[in-house]
Amino acid sequence: MVLPITIPQASLATAIGLSAAGIWLGTTPPNPSSDKVPVTGDSIQWAVTAQKKYGNILYLSLGAQALHHISLVLTYPEIPKPLLRYGVINGISPSFVTWSRDTAVPIALVLAGASLRLLAYSSLGANFTMNLQSLIS
């Protein structure tokens, strides 16, 4: 059975995919340093260590959530029960799977933030680093 996909559904699914890609690109350092993580004794050290050691594995959750949301958008209003899971019991708000204020504002903010971050990456080029300590000497 082929699902008829409308232009608003396709554009929302594309926007969700682009925002997930923007989050990944915007949080991936363009010039990763090979320096060891300094021992600071604070809670941020764990996050920095996890990013350096596991890298893209941390983004699997983001990708899975984006793919799930895209599949919900593309199959709306006839969303299969296995895909919806507890939404069958609780109900799903149409504003979650159609263009609305609830989807447009967060996607616009994510795309704007990712664009600013990528603009900073391109403007600073090789001088953009996540290690501020090396810039302050």
Protein backbone atom coordinates (compact mmCIF):
# COMPACT_ATOMS: atom_id res chain seq x y z
CA MET A 1 0.00 0.00 0.00
CA VAL A 2 1.46 3.31 -1.10
CA LEU A 3 0.74 6.21 1.22
CA PRO A 4 -0.20 9.48 -0.43
CA ILE A 5 2.26 12.06 0.86
CA THR A 6 1.22 15.68 0.65
CA ILE A 7 3.55 18.62 0.11
CA PRO A 8 3.13 19.90 3.71
CA GLN A 9 3.97 16.42 5.06
CA ALA A 10 7.04 16.17 2.83
CA SER A 11 8.22 19.66 3.76
CA LEU A 12 7.79 19.01 7.50
CA ALA A 13 9.63 15.70 7.23
CA THR A 14 12.44 17.43 5.31
CA ALA A 15 12.62 20.23 7.89
CA ILE A 16 12.85 17.69 10.73
CA GLY A 17 15.65 15.86 8.93
CA LEU A 18 17.50 19.11 8.19
CA SER A 19 17.19 20.25 11.79
CA ALA A 20 18.61 16.94 13.06
CA ALA A 21 21.48 17.25 10.58
CA GLY A 22 21.98 20.87 11.66
CA ILE A 23 22.21 19.84 15.31
CA TRP A 24 24.80 17.21 14.42
CA LEU A 25 26.84 19.60 12.25
CA GLY A 26 26.55 22.46 14.74
CA THR A 27 27.79 20.42 17.68
CA THR A 28 30.59 18.59 15.88
CA PRO A 29 33.84 20.55 16.22
CA PRO A 30 35.26 21.52 12.82
CA ASN A 31 38.85 21.39 14.06
CA PRO A 32 39.00 18.77 16.79
CA SER A 33 42.06 19.02 18.96
CA SER A 34 44.13 15.98 19.74
CA ASP A 35 44.88 17.32 23.20
CA LYS A 36 43.98 15.23 26.20
CA VAL A 37 41.06 16.39 28.29
CA PRO A 38 42.43 18.35 31.27
CA VAL A 39 41.48 17.09 34.70
CA THR A 40 39.26 19.79 36.16
CA GLY A 41 37.19 17.81 38.65
CA ASP A 42 33.88 19.25 37.48
CA SER A 43 30.83 17.68 35.84
CA ILE A 44 31.62 19.16 32.42
CA GLN A 45 34.71 16.98 32.18
CA TRP A 46 32.51 13.88 31.82
CA ALA A 47 30.65 15.38 28.87
CA VAL A 48 33.86 16.42 27.13
CA THR A 49 35.41 13.00 27.72
CA ALA A 50 32.30 11.22 26.41
CA GLN A 51 32.28 13.41 23.28
CA LYS A 52 35.94 12.70 22.58
CA LYS A 53 35.72 8.95 23.21
CA TYR A 54 32.34 8.06 21.74
CA GLY A 55 31.80 10.86 19.22
CA ASN A 56 28.99 10.08 16.83
CA ILE A 57 27.56 7.24 18.94
CA LEU A 58 26.01 9.94 21.13
CA TYR A 59 24.05 11.15 18.12
CA LEU A 60 22.31 7.82 17.50
CA SER A 61 19.50 8.84 19.84
CA LEU A 62 19.01 12.10 17.93
CA GLY A 63 18.91 10.25 14.62
CA ALA A 64 16.49 7.62 15.91
CA GLN A 65 14.15 10.27 17.29
CA ALA A 66 14.27 12.27 14.06
CA LEU A 67 13.53 9.17 11.95
CA HIS A 68 10.64 8.24 14.25
CA HIS A 69 9.16 11.72 14.06
CA ILE A 70 9.58 11.75 10.26
CA SER A 71 7.79 8.41 9.98
CA LEU A 72 4.94 9.71 12.17
CA VAL A 73 4.63 12.80 9.96
CA LEU A 74 4.65 10.82 6.71
CA THR A 75 2.06 8.27 7.86
CA TYR A 76 -0.34 10.77 9.48
CA PRO A 77 -3.42 10.47 9.75
CA GLU A 78 -3.27 6.67 9.33
CA ILE A 79 -0.35 6.06 11.70
CA PRO A 80 0.23 2.33 12.24
CA LYS A 81 -0.29 1.21 15.84
CA PRO A 82 3.22 -0.33 16.22
CA LEU A 83 4.72 3.00 15.19
CA LEU A 84 2.53 5.03 17.52
CA ARG A 85 2.91 2.73 20.56
CA TYR A 86 1.49 4.47 23.66
CA GLY A 87 0.06 7.25 21.54
CA VAL A 88 -2.80 4.86 20.77
CA ILE A 89 -3.80 4.97 24.44
CA ASN A 90 -2.92 8.59 25.13
CA GLY A 91 -3.81 10.03 21.75
CA ILE A 92 -1.46 12.09 19.62
CA SER A 93 -1.85 15.78 19.07
CA PRO A 94 -2.15 16.65 15.37
CA SER A 95 0.04 19.70 16.03
CA PHE A 96 2.94 17.30 16.65
CA VAL A 97 2.78 15.77 13.17
CA THR A 98 1.56 18.69 11.04
CA TRP A 99 2.82 22.20 10.42
CA SER A 100 1.75 24.26 13.39
CA ARG A 101 3.18 26.70 15.89
CA ASP A 102 4.34 23.68 17.93
CA THR A 103 6.52 22.42 15.09
CA ALA A 104 7.44 25.57 13.14
CA VAL A 105 8.92 27.58 16.03
CA PRO A 106 11.33 24.87 17.34
CA ILE A 107 12.43 23.90 13.84
CA ALA A 108 13.03 27.56 12.93
CA LEU A 109 15.07 28.10 16.11
CA VAL A 110 17.17 24.99 15.53
CA LEU A 111 17.82 25.87 11.89
CA ALA A 112 18.70 29.48 12.81
CA GLY A 113 21.05 28.34 15.59
CA ALA A 114 22.72 25.75 13.38
CA SER A 115 23.13 28.33 10.61
CA LEU A 116 24.80 30.77 13.02
CA ARG A 117 27.12 28.06 14.27
CA LEU A 118 28.08 26.97 10.75
CA LEU A 119 28.63 30.61 9.81
CA ALA A 120 31.06 30.91 12.73
CA TYR A 121 32.80 27.72 11.60
CA SER A 122 33.23 29.04 8.07
CA SER A 123 34.26 32.56 9.13
CA LEU A 124 36.97 31.47 11.56
CA GLY A 125 38.10 28.45 9.54
CA ALA A 126 41.17 26.80 11.05
CA ASN A 127 41.13 29.31 13.93
CA PHE A 128 37.85 27.93 15.28
CA THR A 129 38.63 25.55 18.10
CA MET A 130 36.75 24.33 21.12
CA ASN A 131 39.85 24.76 23.26
CA LEU A 132 39.68 28.33 24.59
CA GLN A 133 42.71 27.82 26.79
CA SER A 134 45.01 27.76 23.75
CA LEU A 135 43.70 31.15 22.64
CA ILE A 136 44.33 32.81 26.00
CA SER A 137 48.07 32.96 26.54
